Amino acid sequence: MAEGQAKLEQGQSELREEMSGLKGEVSGLKGEVSGLKGDVSGLRSEMSQGFTLLTELIKEKM
């Protein structure tokens, strides 16, 4: 009985370690997604500025 309890506790400990590692990975992925969202936002801003400049140039040429 004591041997079974020891194996159970060891398994629970290993599971906790694995869960902790997975939580860290998820946290890292959330950070990467946040960074990508920032990149996309920056690209949208640059595209908007580019279209504005292009529109102004077209108006000047007409």
Protein backbone atom coordinates (compact mmCIF):
# COMPACT_ATOMS: atom_id res chain seq x y z
CA MET A 1 0.00 0.00 0.00
CA ALA A 2 2.79 2.40 0.91
CA GLU A 3 4.54 1.61 -2.38
CA GLY A 4 1.39 2.45 -4.33
CA GLN A 5 1.02 5.71 -2.42
CA ALA A 6 4.64 6.63 -3.16
CA LYS A 7 4.15 5.95 -6.89
CA LEU A 8 0.97 8.02 -6.87
CA GLU A 9 2.73 10.93 -5.18
CA GLN A 10 5.65 10.68 -7.62
CA GLY A 11 3.23 10.67 -10.56
CA GLN A 12 1.40 13.69 -9.17
CA SER A 13 4.70 15.51 -8.70
CA GLU A 14 5.75 14.78 -12.28
CA LEU A 15 2.35 15.91 -13.53
CA ARG A 16 2.66 19.20 -11.62
CA GLU A 17 6.10 19.78 -13.16
CA GLU A 18 4.74 19.07 -16.64
CA MET A 19 1.77 21.39 -16.06
CA SER A 20 4.12 24.13 -14.86
CA GLY A 21 6.21 23.75 -18.01
CA LEU A 22 3.11 23.88 -20.20
CA LYS A 23 1.90 27.01 -18.42
CA GLY A 24 5.26 28.62 -19.18
CA GLU A 25 5.00 27.65 -22.84
CA VAL A 26 1.45 29.04 -23.07
CA SER A 27 2.61 32.26 -21.46
CA GLY A 28 5.43 32.51 -24.00
CA LEU A 29 3.02 31.90 -26.87
CA LYS A 30 0.71 34.62 -25.56
CA GLY A 31 3.66 37.00 -25.60
CA GLU A 32 4.49 36.05 -29.18
CA VAL A 33 0.88 36.56 -30.28
CA SER A 34 0.85 39.94 -28.58
CA GLY A 35 4.02 40.88 -30.45
CA LEU A 36 2.53 39.74 -33.75
CA LYS A 37 -0.58 41.83 -33.09
CA GLY A 38 1.69 44.83 -32.59
CA ASP A 39 3.49 44.07 -35.84
CA VAL A 40 0.20 43.84 -37.73
CA SER A 41 -0.99 47.10 -36.21
CA GLY A 42 2.24 48.79 -37.28
CA LEU A 43 1.92 47.43 -40.81
CA ARG A 44 -1.66 48.68 -41.04
CA SER A 45 -0.51 52.13 -39.98
CA GLU A 46 2.29 52.13 -42.55
CA MET A 47 -0.10 50.98 -45.29
CA SER A 48 -2.56 53.70 -44.36
CA GLN A 49 0.18 56.34 -44.53
CA GLY A 50 1.35 54.94 -47.87
CA PHE A 51 -2.15 55.09 -49.33
CA THR A 52 -2.56 58.65 -48.06
CA LEU A 53 0.69 59.72 -49.72
CA LEU A 54 -0.23 57.89 -52.92
CA THR A 55 -3.63 59.59 -52.99
CA GLU A 56 -2.02 63.00 -52.50
CA LEU A 57 0.46 62.34 -55.32
CA ILE A 58 -2.33 61.26 -57.66
CA LYS A 59 -4.33 64.40 -56.82
CA GLU A 60 -1.28 66.59 -57.53
CA LYS A 61 -0.73 64.94 -60.92
CA MET A 62 -4.36 65.44 -62.00
